[in-house]
Structures are given as C-alpha cells and as structure tokens.
Amino acid sequence: MIIPAGPRPPDPNAAAHERLYRILRQQVMHGELAPGQALTLRGLGKEFGVSMTPAREALRRLVAEGALTLSSSGRVSTPELTPERIEELAAIRAMLEPELAARALPRAHFALIERLAAINTANAEAVARQDAVAYVRTNLEFHRTLYLRAQAPAMLAMCETVWLQLGPTMRALYARLRRREAPPYHRMILSALKAGDEPGLRLAVRTDVTQGLRHLAG
C-alpha cells in the first residue's frame, strides 16, 4: 500500500524572500532610499536577519522590475535617472494615468472621494512639515486609491513599475524644493470627480503627474 505524501512544509527561504522583496519594493517606491544607494547581500542579511538566498532572490526580482539597477561589475543600487529617462517616464505617466482616472470616474462614489480627500490632507501635512518620504508615499496612495477603481490591473501594474523607477528621484526632488504648500492638482482632481467631469479629470491628472517631473528633467 502506498501512503500518499503529506503537504510539504513551507520553505522558510521563500517566506523570507517574499517579506524582504515587499519591504524593499515599498522603500524604493516611497523614496526611502536615495538615488544611487547601493544594496549588498551582506548588508540586507544583517539589517533584516535573512540569509543570502532570500536576499539574492529579492534583489533579482527588483532588478527585473526596474526598481534597482545592476551594473556590469555586479553592483546593485537604486536608479539614478538621467533627464532623458525622467522625461520618458513622465510621458508614460501622462499617457497611462489620465486613462486610469477616466476609467475610475464612473465608480467614483462619495465614499471614495471622501477617502481621497483624507489622503490629500495627509499629503498636505507632509508638505507642511517637509517630510519628503511621507509626501511621496501619500501622493502615490492618492493615485493608487483612485486607479484601483478603474479595475484595470494590467495598466495599474505598468504604473507601479514607473513609480518604482521614480521613487528615489522623486524623494530627492521634493527634499530639494522644500515646498510649504502642496500643489493644487489633487484638489483639481477631487473637483473633477465630484462634477463627473472626464475632460477636466484627465487634464488635472496629466498636469499633476508631469509638473513635478519637469523640475527634475530641467
């Protein structure tokens, strides 16, 4: 009689890799790491208490996503973007994000608009205290919350790939500008959502996602 094998025990390396991947991905997207900051297997192992295998796998995935760069010498670091690359990524955002917002508009119920307004308040507070990381985080949370209503996961995944590449550079930009007031474009987005104004919404989103990047590329 053959006794069927029971379920395999969970692979601790796989769990550690997934946890580290998600932490690093969030850090890069939110600008918690500076442009050009190097990441090493030994450093990650010490900081997060993981072995070389999950650290290597997490870095491999993030390099494949464009969140990190791999040099010919094997050095892994956060992206340092040229003005040309910033302009290209801004153009991608200008194409994708107004479309996502327009697709979300028919599902922009009152509770969603209230949620977006609350996120925007947190965003303005981050600007007032000149917290660049919190600004980038709440800014992306505002956009992602809206775009989830578009029910277009492939397009949103493409947006997140762009956000990943821009994260460290966006943090450097806002730290340098030292603004005291948040840009008005989120308020314009909220007004267009309340009015059901698709052309106005597209324009507000396009302006929002390109204005800051122009400072970077300039």
C-alpha atoms as a PDB file:
ATOM      1  CA  MET A   1       0.000   0.000   0.000  1.00  0.00           C
ATOM      2  CA  ILE A   2       1.366   3.401  -0.991  1.00  0.00           C
ATOM      3  CA  ILE A   3       0.761   6.122   1.550  1.00  0.00           C
ATOM      4  CA  PRO A   4       0.344   9.487  -0.164  1.00  0.00           C
ATOM      5  CA  ALA A   5       2.825  12.108   0.862  1.00  0.00           C
ATOM      6  CA  GLY A   6       1.528  14.858   3.074  1.00  0.00           C
ATOM      7  CA  PRO A   7       1.794  18.542   2.256  1.00  0.00           C
ATOM      8  CA  ARG A   8       5.291  19.895   2.031  1.00  0.00           C
ATOM      9  CA  PRO A   9       6.385  22.099   4.910  1.00  0.00           C
ATOM     10  CA  PRO A  10       6.644  25.777   3.994  1.00  0.00           C
ATOM     11  CA  ASP A  11      10.018  26.883   2.693  1.00  0.00           C
ATOM     12  CA  PRO A  12      11.428  29.411   5.186  1.00  0.00           C
ATOM     13  CA  ASN A  13      13.650  30.915   2.493  1.00  0.00           C
ATOM     14  CA  ALA A  14      10.627  31.551   0.258  1.00  0.00           C
ATOM     15  CA  ALA A  15       8.771  33.318   3.073  1.00  0.00           C
ATOM     16  CA  ALA A  16      11.841  35.406   3.956  1.00  0.00           C
ATOM     17  CA  HIS A  17      12.377  36.312   0.298  1.00  0.00           C
ATOM     18  CA  GLU A  18       8.774  37.438  -0.163  1.00  0.00           C
ATOM     19  CA  ARG A  19       8.850  39.535   3.016  1.00  0.00           C
ATOM     20  CA  LEU A  20      12.149  41.196   2.079  1.00  0.00           C
ATOM     21  CA  TYR A  21      11.002  41.778  -1.504  1.00  0.00           C
ATOM     22  CA  ARG A  22       7.861  43.594  -0.351  1.00  0.00           C
ATOM     23  CA  ILE A  23       9.749  45.721   2.192  1.00  0.00           C
ATOM     24  CA  LEU A  24      12.416  46.778  -0.311  1.00  0.00           C
ATOM     25  CA  ARG A  25       9.865  47.393  -3.053  1.00  0.00           C
ATOM     26  CA  GLN A  26       7.929  49.738  -0.784  1.00  0.00           C
ATOM     27  CA  GLN A  27      11.107  51.515   0.342  1.00  0.00           C
ATOM     28  CA  VAL A  28      12.174  52.145  -3.251  1.00  0.00           C
ATOM     29  CA  MET A  29       8.715  53.275  -4.417  1.00  0.00           C
ATOM     30  CA  HIS A  30       8.260  55.668  -1.499  1.00  0.00           C
ATOM     31  CA  GLY A  31      11.725  57.174  -1.831  1.00  0.00           C
ATOM     32  CA  GLU A  32      13.050  55.830   1.455  1.00  0.00           C
ATOM     33  CA  LEU A  33      16.290  55.019  -0.365  1.00  0.00           C
ATOM     34  CA  ALA A  34      18.365  57.721  -2.047  1.00  0.00           C
ATOM     35  CA  PRO A  35      19.192  57.652  -5.774  1.00  0.00           C
ATOM     36  CA  GLY A  36      22.280  55.542  -6.431  1.00  0.00           C
ATOM     37  CA  GLN A  37      22.216  53.889  -2.991  1.00  0.00           C
ATOM     38  CA  ALA A  38      23.984  50.526  -3.103  1.00  0.00           C
ATOM     39  CA  LEU A  39      22.398  47.372  -1.666  1.00  0.00           C
ATOM     40  CA  THR A  40      24.508  44.359  -0.714  1.00  0.00           C
ATOM     41  CA  LEU A  41      23.559  40.832   0.241  1.00  0.00           C
ATOM     42  CA  ARG A  42      25.574  41.078   3.425  1.00  0.00           C
ATOM     43  CA  GLY A  43      24.016  44.409   4.371  1.00  0.00           C
ATOM     44  CA  LEU A  44      20.483  43.191   3.749  1.00  0.00           C
ATOM     45  CA  GLY A  45      21.143  39.984   5.670  1.00  0.00           C
ATOM     46  CA  LYS A  46      22.370  41.929   8.676  1.00  0.00           C
ATOM     47  CA  GLU A  47      19.580  44.522   8.575  1.00  0.00           C
ATOM     48  CA  PHE A  48      16.664  42.133   8.048  1.00  0.00           C
ATOM     49  CA  GLY A  49      18.011  38.934   9.606  1.00  0.00           C
ATOM     50  CA  VAL A  50      17.853  36.827   6.437  1.00  0.00           C
ATOM     51  CA  SER A  51      20.320  34.519   4.712  1.00  0.00           C
ATOM     52  CA  MET A  52      21.999  35.177   1.376  1.00  0.00           C
ATOM     53  CA  THR A  53      19.473  33.153  -0.650  1.00  0.00           C
ATOM     54  CA  PRO A  54      16.304  35.183   0.069  1.00  0.00           C
ATOM     55  CA  ALA A  55      18.288  38.431  -0.147  1.00  0.00           C
ATOM     56  CA  ARG A  56      19.645  37.461  -3.561  1.00  0.00           C
ATOM     57  CA  GLU A  57      16.210  36.436  -4.838  1.00  0.00           C
ATOM     58  CA  ALA A  58      14.569  39.648  -3.607  1.00  0.00           C
ATOM     59  CA  LEU A  59      17.220  41.760  -5.353  1.00  0.00           C
ATOM     60  CA  ARG A  60      16.880  39.709  -8.533  1.00  0.00           C
ATOM     61  CA  ARG A  61      13.138  40.371  -8.684  1.00  0.00           C
ATOM     62  CA  LEU A  62      13.551  44.082  -8.046  1.00  0.00           C
ATOM     63  CA  VAL A  63      16.225  44.401 -10.740  1.00  0.00           C
ATOM     64  CA  ALA A  64      13.863  42.632 -13.166  1.00  0.00           C
ATOM     65  CA  GLU A  65      11.116  45.158 -12.301  1.00  0.00           C
ATOM     66  CA  GLY A  66      13.403  48.138 -12.856  1.00  0.00           C
ATOM     67  CA  ALA A  67      13.257  49.124  -9.172  1.00  0.00           C
ATOM     68  CA  LEU A  68      17.004  48.501  -8.870  1.00  0.00           C
ATOM     69  CA  THR A  69      19.850  48.588 -11.361  1.00  0.00           C
ATOM     70  CA  LEU A  70      22.620  46.034 -11.830  1.00  0.00           C
ATOM     71  CA  SER A  71      25.964  47.315 -13.106  1.00  0.00           C
ATOM     72  CA  SER A  72      28.424  45.346 -15.221  1.00  0.00           C
ATOM     73  CA  SER A  73      30.536  44.867 -12.077  1.00  0.00           C
ATOM     74  CA  GLY A  74      27.588  43.315 -10.234  1.00  0.00           C
ATOM     75  CA  ARG A  75      26.783  46.344  -8.065  1.00  0.00           C
ATOM     76  CA  VAL A  76      23.076  46.627  -7.223  1.00  0.00           C
ATOM     77  CA  SER A  77      21.727  50.103  -6.475  1.00  0.00           C
ATOM     78  CA  THR A  78      18.661  52.312  -6.700  1.00  0.00           C
ATOM     79  CA  PRO A  79      18.203  54.086 -10.050  1.00  0.00           C
ATOM     80  CA  GLU A  80      19.993  57.341 -10.858  1.00  0.00           C
ATOM     81  CA  LEU A  81      17.908  58.786 -13.668  1.00  0.00           C
ATOM     82  CA  THR A  82      19.106  60.996 -16.489  1.00  0.00           C
ATOM     83  CA  PRO A  83      16.917  63.934 -17.585  1.00  0.00           C
ATOM     84  CA  GLU A  84      16.065  61.964 -20.739  1.00  0.00           C
ATOM     85  CA  ARG A  85      14.920  58.978 -18.678  1.00  0.00           C
ATOM     86  CA  ILE A  86      12.839  61.196 -16.408  1.00  0.00           C
ATOM     87  CA  GLU A  87      11.171  62.764 -19.439  1.00  0.00           C
ATOM     88  CA  GLU A  88      10.385  59.312 -20.837  1.00  0.00           C
ATOM     89  CA  LEU A  89       8.861  58.119 -17.567  1.00  0.00           C
ATOM     90  CA  ALA A  90       6.840  61.335 -17.269  1.00  0.00           C
ATOM     91  CA  ALA A  91       5.463  60.740 -20.769  1.00  0.00           C
ATOM     92  CA  ILE A  92       4.414  57.216 -19.776  1.00  0.00           C
ATOM     93  CA  ARG A  93       2.637  58.556 -16.695  1.00  0.00           C
ATOM     94  CA  ALA A  94       0.919  61.207 -18.818  1.00  0.00           C
ATOM     95  CA  MET A  95      -0.449  58.510 -21.117  1.00  0.00           C
ATOM     96  CA  LEU A  96      -1.477  55.889 -18.574  1.00  0.00           C
ATOM     97  CA  GLU A  97      -2.737  57.759 -15.550  1.00  0.00           C
ATOM     98  CA  PRO A  98      -5.373  60.027 -17.140  1.00  0.00           C
ATOM     99  CA  GLU A  99      -6.828  56.891 -18.763  1.00  0.00           C
ATOM    100  CA  LEU A 100      -6.912  55.062 -15.440  1.00  0.00           C
ATOM    101  CA  ALA A 101      -8.587  58.045 -13.777  1.00  0.00           C
ATOM    102  CA  ALA A 102     -11.194  58.269 -16.565  1.00  0.00           C
ATOM    103  CA  ARG A 103     -11.976  54.569 -16.180  1.00  0.00           C
ATOM    104  CA  ALA A 104     -12.352  55.056 -12.430  1.00  0.00           C
ATOM    105  CA  LEU A 105     -14.717  58.029 -12.818  1.00  0.00           C
ATOM    106  CA  PRO A 106     -17.987  56.021 -13.232  1.00  0.00           C
ATOM    107  CA  ARG A 107     -17.176  54.235  -9.947  1.00  0.00           C
ATOM    108  CA  ALA A 108     -16.085  57.349  -8.044  1.00  0.00           C
ATOM    109  CA  HIS A 109     -18.759  57.206  -5.343  1.00  0.00           C
ATOM    110  CA  PHE A 110     -18.959  59.586  -2.394  1.00  0.00           C
ATOM    111  CA  ALA A 111     -17.005  57.319  -0.014  1.00  0.00           C
ATOM    112  CA  LEU A 112     -14.089  57.120  -2.460  1.00  0.00           C
ATOM    113  CA  ILE A 113     -13.951  60.901  -2.859  1.00  0.00           C
ATOM    114  CA  GLU A 114     -14.002  61.299   0.922  1.00  0.00           C
ATOM    115  CA  ARG A 115     -11.163  58.787   1.226  1.00  0.00           C
ATOM    116  CA  LEU A 116      -9.141  60.642  -1.403  1.00  0.00           C
ATOM    117  CA  ALA A 117      -9.738  63.943   0.388  1.00  0.00           C
ATOM    118  CA  ALA A 118      -8.428  62.434   3.640  1.00  0.00           C
ATOM    119  CA  ILE A 119      -5.296  61.143   1.891  1.00  0.00           C
ATOM    120  CA  ASN A 120      -4.796  64.568   0.343  1.00  0.00           C
ATOM    121  CA  THR A 121      -4.973  66.158   3.789  1.00  0.00           C
ATOM    122  CA  ALA A 122      -2.202  63.825   4.953  1.00  0.00           C
ATOM    123  CA  ASN A 123      -0.270  64.731   1.813  1.00  0.00           C
ATOM    124  CA  ALA A 124      -0.567  68.463   2.580  1.00  0.00           C
ATOM    125  CA  GLU A 125       0.549  67.830   6.169  1.00  0.00           C
ATOM    126  CA  ALA A 126       3.647  66.024   4.886  1.00  0.00           C
ATOM    127  CA  VAL A 127       4.477  69.065   2.754  1.00  0.00           C
ATOM    128  CA  ALA A 128       3.987  71.430   5.696  1.00  0.00           C
ATOM    129  CA  ARG A 129       6.485  69.506   7.821  1.00  0.00           C
ATOM    130  CA  GLN A 130       8.786  68.979   4.809  1.00  0.00           C
ATOM    131  CA  ASP A 131       8.694  65.193   5.112  1.00  0.00           C
ATOM    132  CA  ALA A 132       9.713  64.122   1.609  1.00  0.00           C
ATOM    133  CA  VAL A 133       9.176  60.383   2.154  1.00  0.00           C
ATOM    134  CA  ALA A 134       5.695  60.900   3.608  1.00  0.00           C
ATOM    135  CA  TYR A 135       4.902  63.224   0.716  1.00  0.00           C
ATOM    136  CA  VAL A 136       5.868  60.630  -1.904  1.00  0.00           C
ATOM    137  CA  ARG A 137       4.029  57.878  -0.002  1.00  0.00           C
ATOM    138  CA  THR A 138       0.742  59.794   0.388  1.00  0.00           C
ATOM    139  CA  ASN A 139       0.956  61.123  -3.159  1.00  0.00           C
ATOM    140  CA  LEU A 140       1.175  57.607  -4.571  1.00  0.00           C
ATOM    141  CA  GLU A 141      -1.521  56.408  -2.158  1.00  0.00           C
ATOM    142  CA  PHE A 142      -3.845  59.107  -3.523  1.00  0.00           C
ATOM    143  CA  HIS A 143      -3.285  57.996  -7.115  1.00  0.00           C
ATOM    144  CA  ARG A 144      -3.376  54.271  -6.404  1.00  0.00           C
ATOM    145  CA  THR A 145      -6.619  54.551  -4.403  1.00  0.00           C
ATOM    146  CA  LEU A 146      -8.271  56.271  -7.356  1.00  0.00           C
ATOM    147  CA  TYR A 147      -6.843  53.965 -10.017  1.00  0.00           C
ATOM    148  CA  LEU A 148      -7.927  50.800  -8.212  1.00  0.00           C
ATOM    149  CA  ARG A 149     -11.496  51.830  -9.068  1.00  0.00           C
ATOM    150  CA  ALA A 150     -10.608  51.627 -12.763  1.00  0.00           C
ATOM    151  CA  GLN A 151     -10.499  47.824 -12.477  1.00  0.00           C
ATOM    152  CA  ALA A 152      -7.613  47.742 -14.961  1.00  0.00           C
ATOM    153  CA  PRO A 153      -4.919  45.711 -13.154  1.00  0.00           C
ATOM    154  CA  ALA A 154      -2.533  45.449 -16.119  1.00  0.00           C
ATOM    155  CA  MET A 155      -2.457  49.227 -16.559  1.00  0.00           C
ATOM    156  CA  LEU A 156      -2.019  49.788 -12.826  1.00  0.00           C
ATOM    157  CA  ALA A 157       0.881  47.309 -12.763  1.00  0.00           C
ATOM    158  CA  MET A 158       2.564  49.307 -15.528  1.00  0.00           C
ATOM    159  CA  CYS A 159       2.096  52.488 -13.492  1.00  0.00           C
ATOM    160  CA  GLU A 160       3.654  50.892 -10.439  1.00  0.00           C
ATOM    161  CA  THR A 161       6.684  49.876 -12.496  1.00  0.00           C
ATOM    162  CA  VAL A 162       7.164  53.545 -13.414  1.00  0.00           C
ATOM    163  CA  TRP A 163       6.630  54.667  -9.808  1.00  0.00           C
ATOM    164  CA  LEU A 164       9.294  52.209  -8.694  1.00  0.00           C
ATOM    165  CA  GLN A 165      11.860  53.691 -11.048  1.00  0.00           C
ATOM    166  CA  LEU A 166      10.965  57.239  -9.996  1.00  0.00           C
ATOM    167  CA  GLY A 167      10.710  56.754  -6.218  1.00  0.00           C
ATOM    168  CA  PRO A 168      14.242  57.663  -5.076  1.00  0.00           C
ATOM    169  CA  THR A 169      14.471  60.544  -7.550  1.00  0.00           C
ATOM    170  CA  MET A 170      11.054  61.922  -6.543  1.00  0.00           C
ATOM    171  CA  ARG A 171      12.145  61.941  -2.898  1.00  0.00           C
ATOM    172  CA  ALA A 172      15.324  63.826  -3.840  1.00  0.00           C
ATOM    173  CA  LEU A 173      13.269  66.378  -5.801  1.00  0.00           C
ATOM    174  CA  TYR A 174      10.837  67.204  -3.007  1.00  0.00           C
ATOM    175  CA  ALA A 175      13.612  67.308  -0.426  1.00  0.00           C
ATOM    176  CA  ARG A 176      15.356  69.877  -2.623  1.00  0.00           C
ATOM    177  CA  LEU A 177      12.295  72.036  -3.404  1.00  0.00           C
ATOM    178  CA  ARG A 178      11.349  72.413   0.276  1.00  0.00           C
ATOM    179  CA  ARG A 179       7.764  73.390  -0.508  1.00  0.00           C
ATOM    180  CA  ARG A 180       5.500  74.696   2.238  1.00  0.00           C
ATOM    181  CA  GLU A 181       2.232  74.213   0.352  1.00  0.00           C
ATOM    182  CA  ALA A 182       1.014  71.193  -1.596  1.00  0.00           C
ATOM    183  CA  PRO A 183       0.472  71.642  -5.350  1.00  0.00           C
ATOM    184  CA  PRO A 184      -3.199  72.318  -6.239  1.00  0.00           C
ATOM    185  CA  TYR A 185      -3.650  69.433  -8.663  1.00  0.00           C
ATOM    186  CA  HIS A 186      -5.105  66.906  -6.209  1.00  0.00           C
ATOM    187  CA  ARG A 187      -7.818  69.436  -5.351  1.00  0.00           C
ATOM    188  CA  MET A 188      -8.489  69.824  -9.073  1.00  0.00           C
ATOM    189  CA  ILE A 189      -8.771  66.034  -9.375  1.00  0.00           C
ATOM    190  CA  LEU A 190     -11.260  65.920  -6.493  1.00  0.00           C
ATOM    191  CA  SER A 191     -13.334  68.719  -8.012  1.00  0.00           C
ATOM    192  CA  ALA A 192     -13.469  66.943 -11.373  1.00  0.00           C
ATOM    193  CA  LEU A 193     -14.512  63.685  -9.697  1.00  0.00           C
ATOM    194  CA  LYS A 194     -17.331  65.421  -7.816  1.00  0.00           C
ATOM    195  CA  ALA A 195     -18.528  67.089 -11.018  1.00  0.00           C
ATOM    196  CA  GLY A 196     -18.241  63.947 -13.145  1.00  0.00           C
ATOM    197  CA  ASP A 197     -16.024  65.974 -15.491  1.00  0.00           C
ATOM    198  CA  GLU A 198     -13.930  63.498 -17.506  1.00  0.00           C
ATOM    199  CA  PRO A 199     -12.006  66.058 -19.640  1.00  0.00           C
ATOM    200  CA  GLY A 200     -11.249  68.097 -16.520  1.00  0.00           C
ATOM    201  CA  LEU A 201     -10.171  64.964 -14.658  1.00  0.00           C
ATOM    202  CA  ARG A 202      -7.836  63.874 -17.454  1.00  0.00           C
ATOM    203  CA  LEU A 203      -6.257  67.330 -17.569  1.00  0.00           C
ATOM    204  CA  ALA A 204      -5.825  67.546 -13.785  1.00  0.00           C
ATOM    205  CA  VAL A 205      -4.186  64.109 -13.577  1.00  0.00           C
ATOM    206  CA  ARG A 206      -1.926  64.760 -16.559  1.00  0.00           C
ATOM    207  CA  THR A 207      -0.800  68.068 -15.077  1.00  0.00           C
ATOM    208  CA  ASP A 208      -0.259  66.542 -11.633  1.00  0.00           C
ATOM    209  CA  VAL A 209       1.933  63.687 -12.834  1.00  0.00           C
ATOM    210  CA  THR A 210       4.111  65.816 -15.121  1.00  0.00           C
ATOM    211  CA  GLN A 211       4.631  69.152 -13.325  1.00  0.00           C
ATOM    212  CA  GLY A 212       6.964  67.871 -10.606  1.00  0.00           C
ATOM    213  CA  LEU A 213       8.934  65.761 -13.048  1.00  0.00           C
ATOM    214  CA  ARG A 214       9.630  68.813 -15.189  1.00  0.00           C
ATOM    215  CA  HIS A 215      11.661  70.207 -12.281  1.00  0.00           C
ATOM    216  CA  LEU A 216      13.694  67.008 -12.297  1.00  0.00           C
ATOM    217  CA  ALA A 217      14.314  66.942 -16.012  1.00  0.00           C
ATOM    218  CA  GLY A 218      15.077  70.662 -16.201  1.00  0.00           C
END
